[in-house]
Amino acid sequence: MRKHCFILVLMCLLTSVEMHAQFSKSLHDVFELEEAKELRFDVAGNVKVENWKGGVILVETKVDLFNASRDLLNFLLESQRYTIVADVVDYELTIASISKDRNSIQTKEGIVDEQVNVTIRVPEDFIISEDRTSATYIGSGPVISKIDQLHPKRDSTVVAKKTNEER
């Protein structure tokens, strides 16, 4: 009998740990530069913009949920809460979150603490402004790449502008 009580208590504790655990997921989206003269990011979450040696825009989204379950995280991912899409109009490339409204999530265990950190890596031929809201293209020649497929993401607005003498 004592052994059965111990197993029952242990199972309750394990279930409780599952409901109050932290679950994380990292998402990566790559956007090739088209012949856009401007890049605009309309992304929800805590956004950091930095240069890198790559020739594409890399968006890394790290989602941390506290006081949640793995099933809840999977549901939010499937419902495209963290999805990013790209759209090109004339010479402007816009990368944006599908879901910009991040209403709090209430479960029977309480409010879920959701932390979304987004790092946007822009090719190093862009100078990023001090306030991290814009960047100017300083490379020579046109950007020659294509966006083969539009991908789905975020609420801070970050703008990267590209200018060259051919404009």
C-alpha atoms as a PDB file:
ATOM      1  CA  MET A   1       0.000   0.000   0.000  1.00  0.00           C
ATOM      2  CA  ARG A   2       2.790   2.374   0.906  1.00  0.00           C
ATOM      3  CA  LYS A   3       4.482   1.659  -2.412  1.00  0.00           C
ATOM      4  CA  HIS A   4       1.257   2.491  -4.296  1.00  0.00           C
ATOM      5  CA  CYS A   5       0.890   5.822  -2.470  1.00  0.00           C
ATOM      6  CA  PHE A   6       4.495   6.697  -3.299  1.00  0.00           C
ATOM      7  CA  ILE A   7       3.908   5.946  -7.014  1.00  0.00           C
ATOM      8  CA  LEU A   8       0.689   7.994  -7.006  1.00  0.00           C
ATOM      9  CA  VAL A   9       2.422  11.002  -5.405  1.00  0.00           C
ATOM     10  CA  LEU A  10       5.335  10.676  -7.827  1.00  0.00           C
ATOM     11  CA  MET A  11       2.973  10.630 -10.833  1.00  0.00           C
ATOM     12  CA  CYS A  12       1.150  13.740  -9.551  1.00  0.00           C
ATOM     13  CA  LEU A  13       4.463  15.567  -9.156  1.00  0.00           C
ATOM     14  CA  LEU A  14       5.600  14.612 -12.652  1.00  0.00           C
ATOM     15  CA  THR A  15       2.312  15.811 -14.133  1.00  0.00           C
ATOM     16  CA  SER A  16       2.627  19.065 -12.196  1.00  0.00           C
ATOM     17  CA  VAL A  17       6.185  19.581 -13.463  1.00  0.00           C
ATOM     18  CA  GLU A  18       4.978  19.097 -17.058  1.00  0.00           C
ATOM     19  CA  MET A  19       2.351  21.848 -16.653  1.00  0.00           C
ATOM     20  CA  HIS A  20       4.756  24.356 -15.096  1.00  0.00           C
ATOM     21  CA  ALA A  21       7.805  23.642 -17.192  1.00  0.00           C
ATOM     22  CA  GLN A  22       9.626  25.831 -19.658  1.00  0.00           C
ATOM     23  CA  PHE A  23       9.431  24.898 -23.314  1.00  0.00           C
ATOM     24  CA  SER A  24      11.593  26.475 -26.003  1.00  0.00           C
ATOM     25  CA  LYS A  25      11.708  26.421 -29.767  1.00  0.00           C
ATOM     26  CA  SER A  26      14.062  28.140 -32.210  1.00  0.00           C
ATOM     27  CA  LEU A  27      12.757  28.968 -35.671  1.00  0.00           C
ATOM     28  CA  HIS A  28      14.865  30.074 -38.638  1.00  0.00           C
ATOM     29  CA  ASP A  29      13.712  31.865 -41.765  1.00  0.00           C
ATOM     30  CA  VAL A  30      15.969  32.821 -44.676  1.00  0.00           C
ATOM     31  CA  PHE A  31      15.024  35.551 -47.136  1.00  0.00           C
ATOM     32  CA  GLU A  32      17.107  36.154 -50.230  1.00  0.00           C
ATOM     33  CA  LEU A  33      17.507  39.742 -51.303  1.00  0.00           C
ATOM     34  CA  GLU A  34      15.643  40.594 -54.440  1.00  0.00           C
ATOM     35  CA  GLU A  35      16.381  43.799 -56.328  1.00  0.00           C
ATOM     36  CA  ALA A  36      14.614  45.679 -53.549  1.00  0.00           C
ATOM     37  CA  LYS A  37      15.836  49.161 -52.751  1.00  0.00           C
ATOM     38  CA  GLU A  38      14.372  49.005 -49.240  1.00  0.00           C
ATOM     39  CA  LEU A  39      13.871  46.264 -46.699  1.00  0.00           C
ATOM     40  CA  ARG A  40      11.166  46.596 -44.074  1.00  0.00           C
ATOM     41  CA  PHE A  41      10.650  44.365 -41.069  1.00  0.00           C
ATOM     42  CA  ASP A  42       7.378  44.424 -39.124  1.00  0.00           C
ATOM     43  CA  VAL A  43       8.137  41.796 -36.539  1.00  0.00           C
ATOM     44  CA  ALA A  44       6.518  41.078 -33.153  1.00  0.00           C
ATOM     45  CA  GLY A  45       8.734  40.298 -30.175  1.00  0.00           C
ATOM     46  CA  ASN A  46      11.998  41.632 -28.756  1.00  0.00           C
ATOM     47  CA  VAL A  47      13.934  42.457 -31.921  1.00  0.00           C
ATOM     48  CA  LYS A  48      17.702  42.736 -32.360  1.00  0.00           C
ATOM     49  CA  VAL A  49      19.255  43.668 -35.727  1.00  0.00           C
ATOM     50  CA  GLU A  50      22.857  42.880 -36.604  1.00  0.00           C
ATOM     51  CA  ASN A  51      25.148  42.445 -39.580  1.00  0.00           C
ATOM     52  CA  TRP A  52      26.584  39.160 -40.701  1.00  0.00           C
ATOM     53  CA  LYS A  53      28.750  37.843 -43.530  1.00  0.00           C
ATOM     54  CA  GLY A  54      25.912  36.031 -45.304  1.00  0.00           C
ATOM     55  CA  GLY A  55      24.307  37.320 -48.484  1.00  0.00           C
ATOM     56  CA  VAL A  56      20.724  36.753 -47.300  1.00  0.00           C
ATOM     57  CA  ILE A  57      18.517  37.994 -44.491  1.00  0.00           C
ATOM     58  CA  LEU A  58      18.392  35.466 -41.667  1.00  0.00           C
ATOM     59  CA  VAL A  59      15.636  35.740 -39.063  1.00  0.00           C
ATOM     60  CA  GLU A  60      16.023  33.637 -35.915  1.00  0.00           C
ATOM     61  CA  THR A  61      13.074  33.476 -33.550  1.00  0.00           C
ATOM     62  CA  LYS A  62      13.484  31.980 -30.087  1.00  0.00           C
ATOM     63  CA  VAL A  63      10.230  31.238 -28.295  1.00  0.00           C
ATOM     64  CA  ASP A  64      10.229  30.475 -24.560  1.00  0.00           C
ATOM     65  CA  LEU A  65       7.012  29.542 -22.764  1.00  0.00           C
ATOM     66  CA  PHE A  66       6.909  29.291 -18.979  1.00  0.00           C
ATOM     67  CA  ASN A  67       4.027  27.768 -17.019  1.00  0.00           C
ATOM     68  CA  ALA A  68       2.929  25.932 -20.157  1.00  0.00           C
ATOM     69  CA  SER A  69       2.843  22.497 -21.711  1.00  0.00           C
ATOM     70  CA  ARG A  70       4.563  21.119 -24.790  1.00  0.00           C
ATOM     71  CA  ASP A  71       1.126  20.651 -26.368  1.00  0.00           C
ATOM     72  CA  LEU A  72       0.409  24.367 -25.951  1.00  0.00           C
ATOM     73  CA  LEU A  73       3.702  25.291 -27.624  1.00  0.00           C
ATOM     74  CA  ASN A  74       2.938  22.923 -30.505  1.00  0.00           C
ATOM     75  CA  PHE A  75      -0.561  24.410 -30.847  1.00  0.00           C
ATOM     76  CA  LEU A  76       0.828  27.969 -31.004  1.00  0.00           C
ATOM     77  CA  LEU A  77       3.365  26.924 -33.634  1.00  0.00           C
ATOM     78  CA  GLU A  78       0.698  25.192 -35.741  1.00  0.00           C
ATOM     79  CA  SER A  79      -1.598  28.214 -35.490  1.00  0.00           C
ATOM     80  CA  GLN A  80       1.207  30.351 -37.033  1.00  0.00           C
ATOM     81  CA  ARG A  81       1.607  32.626 -34.011  1.00  0.00           C
ATOM     82  CA  TYR A  82       5.354  32.924 -34.751  1.00  0.00           C
ATOM     83  CA  THR A  83       5.233  32.672 -38.548  1.00  0.00           C
ATOM     84  CA  ILE A  84       6.980  35.249 -40.763  1.00  0.00           C
ATOM     85  CA  VAL A  85       6.054  36.055 -44.377  1.00  0.00           C
ATOM     86  CA  ALA A  86       7.780  38.081 -47.087  1.00  0.00           C
ATOM     87  CA  ASP A  87       6.206  40.299 -49.713  1.00  0.00           C
ATOM     88  CA  VAL A  88       7.787  42.338 -52.497  1.00  0.00           C
ATOM     89  CA  VAL A  89       6.079  45.418 -53.903  1.00  0.00           C
ATOM     90  CA  ASP A  90       8.014  47.481 -56.447  1.00  0.00           C
ATOM     91  CA  TYR A  91      11.451  47.855 -54.875  1.00  0.00           C
ATOM     92  CA  GLU A  92      10.425  47.230 -51.280  1.00  0.00           C
ATOM     93  CA  LEU A  93      10.780  43.888 -49.517  1.00  0.00           C
ATOM     94  CA  THR A  94       8.630  43.569 -46.401  1.00  0.00           C
ATOM     95  CA  ILE A  95       9.109  40.783 -43.891  1.00  0.00           C
ATOM     96  CA  ALA A  96       6.358  40.656 -41.284  1.00  0.00           C
ATOM     97  CA  SER A  97       4.729  38.568 -38.613  1.00  0.00           C
ATOM     98  CA  ILE A  98       1.445  36.960 -39.545  1.00  0.00           C
ATOM     99  CA  SER A  99       0.297  37.426 -35.961  1.00  0.00           C
ATOM    100  CA  LYS A 100       1.263  40.797 -34.516  1.00  0.00           C
ATOM    101  CA  ASP A 101      -1.211  40.705 -31.633  1.00  0.00           C
ATOM    102  CA  ARG A 102       0.217  38.748 -28.750  1.00  0.00           C
ATOM    103  CA  ASN A 103      -2.666  38.539 -26.337  1.00  0.00           C
ATOM    104  CA  SER A 104      -1.799  36.869 -23.054  1.00  0.00           C
ATOM    105  CA  ILE A 105      -2.450  33.156 -22.852  1.00  0.00           C
ATOM    106  CA  GLN A 106      -4.577  31.936 -19.957  1.00  0.00           C
ATOM    107  CA  THR A 107      -4.632  28.258 -18.971  1.00  0.00           C
ATOM    108  CA  LYS A 108      -6.260  26.555 -16.019  1.00  0.00           C
ATOM    109  CA  GLU A 109      -2.851  26.752 -14.336  1.00  0.00           C
ATOM    110  CA  GLY A 110      -2.599  30.535 -14.784  1.00  0.00           C
ATOM    111  CA  ILE A 111      -1.155  33.015 -17.272  1.00  0.00           C
ATOM    112  CA  VAL A 112       1.593  31.697 -19.533  1.00  0.00           C
ATOM    113  CA  ASP A 113       4.801  33.749 -19.580  1.00  0.00           C
ATOM    114  CA  GLU A 114       5.723  34.050 -23.264  1.00  0.00           C
ATOM    115  CA  GLN A 115       9.089  35.435 -24.330  1.00  0.00           C
ATOM    116  CA  VAL A 116       9.808  35.895 -28.021  1.00  0.00           C
ATOM    117  CA  ASN A 117      13.288  37.078 -29.030  1.00  0.00           C
ATOM    118  CA  VAL A 118      13.975  37.762 -32.687  1.00  0.00           C
ATOM    119  CA  THR A 119      17.420  38.308 -34.195  1.00  0.00           C
ATOM    120  CA  ILE A 120      17.485  39.708 -37.718  1.00  0.00           C
ATOM    121  CA  ARG A 121      20.806  39.319 -39.492  1.00  0.00           C
ATOM    122  CA  VAL A 122      21.279  41.653 -42.459  1.00  0.00           C
ATOM    123  CA  PRO A 123      24.196  41.327 -44.944  1.00  0.00           C
ATOM    124  CA  GLU A 124      27.230  43.353 -43.967  1.00  0.00           C
ATOM    125  CA  ASP A 125      26.859  45.666 -46.990  1.00  0.00           C
ATOM    126  CA  PHE A 126      24.178  47.388 -44.890  1.00  0.00           C
ATOM    127  CA  ILE A 127      25.012  49.949 -42.222  1.00  0.00           C
ATOM    128  CA  ILE A 128      22.515  49.663 -39.391  1.00  0.00           C
ATOM    129  CA  SER A 129      21.467  52.926 -37.741  1.00  0.00           C
ATOM    130  CA  GLU A 130      22.244  53.555 -34.078  1.00  0.00           C
ATOM    131  CA  ASP A 131      18.608  53.134 -33.075  1.00  0.00           C
ATOM    132  CA  ARG A 132      18.505  49.796 -34.927  1.00  0.00           C
ATOM    133  CA  THR A 133      15.445  50.847 -36.922  1.00  0.00           C
ATOM    134  CA  SER A 134      17.122  51.297 -40.299  1.00  0.00           C
ATOM    135  CA  ALA A 135      20.133  50.357 -42.365  1.00  0.00           C
ATOM    136  CA  THR A 136      21.614  51.793 -45.537  1.00  0.00           C
ATOM    137  CA  TYR A 137      23.127  49.766 -48.369  1.00  0.00           C
ATOM    138  CA  ILE A 138      26.788  50.657 -48.973  1.00  0.00           C
ATOM    139  CA  GLY A 139      27.758  47.874 -51.392  1.00  0.00           C
ATOM    140  CA  SER A 140      28.735  48.437 -54.972  1.00  0.00           C
ATOM    141  CA  GLY A 141      26.484  47.215 -57.757  1.00  0.00           C
ATOM    142  CA  PRO A 142      22.963  45.834 -57.688  1.00  0.00           C
ATOM    143  CA  VAL A 143      21.767  43.085 -55.422  1.00  0.00           C
ATOM    144  CA  ILE A 144      21.254  40.000 -57.592  1.00  0.00           C
ATOM    145  CA  SER A 145      19.233  37.336 -55.844  1.00  0.00           C
ATOM    146  CA  LYS A 146      15.656  36.162 -55.750  1.00  0.00           C
ATOM    147  CA  ILE A 147      13.133  35.181 -53.164  1.00  0.00           C
ATOM    148  CA  ASP A 148      12.264  31.706 -54.350  1.00  0.00           C
ATOM    149  CA  GLN A 149       9.544  31.161 -51.807  1.00  0.00           C
ATOM    150  CA  LEU A 150       7.708  33.406 -49.388  1.00  0.00           C
ATOM    151  CA  HIS A 151       7.961  32.306 -45.796  1.00  0.00           C
ATOM    152  CA  PRO A 152       5.847  33.172 -42.844  1.00  0.00           C
ATOM    153  CA  LYS A 153       6.531  36.192 -38.357  1.00  0.00           C
ATOM    154  CA  ARG A 154       6.499  39.515 -35.624  1.00  0.00           C
ATOM    155  CA  ASP A 155       5.576  43.928 -33.628  1.00  0.00           C
ATOM    156  CA  SER A 156       8.688  46.048 -33.699  1.00  0.00           C
ATOM    157  CA  THR A 157       9.300  47.832 -36.971  1.00  0.00           C
ATOM    158  CA  VAL A 158      12.805  47.674 -38.356  1.00  0.00           C
ATOM    159  CA  VAL A 159      13.644  49.234 -41.680  1.00  0.00           C
ATOM    160  CA  ALA A 160      16.694  48.535 -43.802  1.00  0.00           C
ATOM    161  CA  LYS A 161      17.161  50.870 -46.785  1.00  0.00           C
ATOM    162  CA  LYS A 162      19.325  50.127 -49.769  1.00  0.00           C
ATOM    163  CA  THR A 163      20.554  52.888 -52.026  1.00  0.00           C
ATOM    164  CA  ASN A 164      23.008  52.841 -54.878  1.00  0.00           C
ATOM    165  CA  GLU A 165      24.053  55.125 -57.709  1.00  0.00           C
ATOM    166  CA  GLU A 166      21.877  53.263 -60.240  1.00  0.00           C
ATOM    167  CA  ARG A 167      18.712  54.248 -58.364  1.00  0.00           C
END
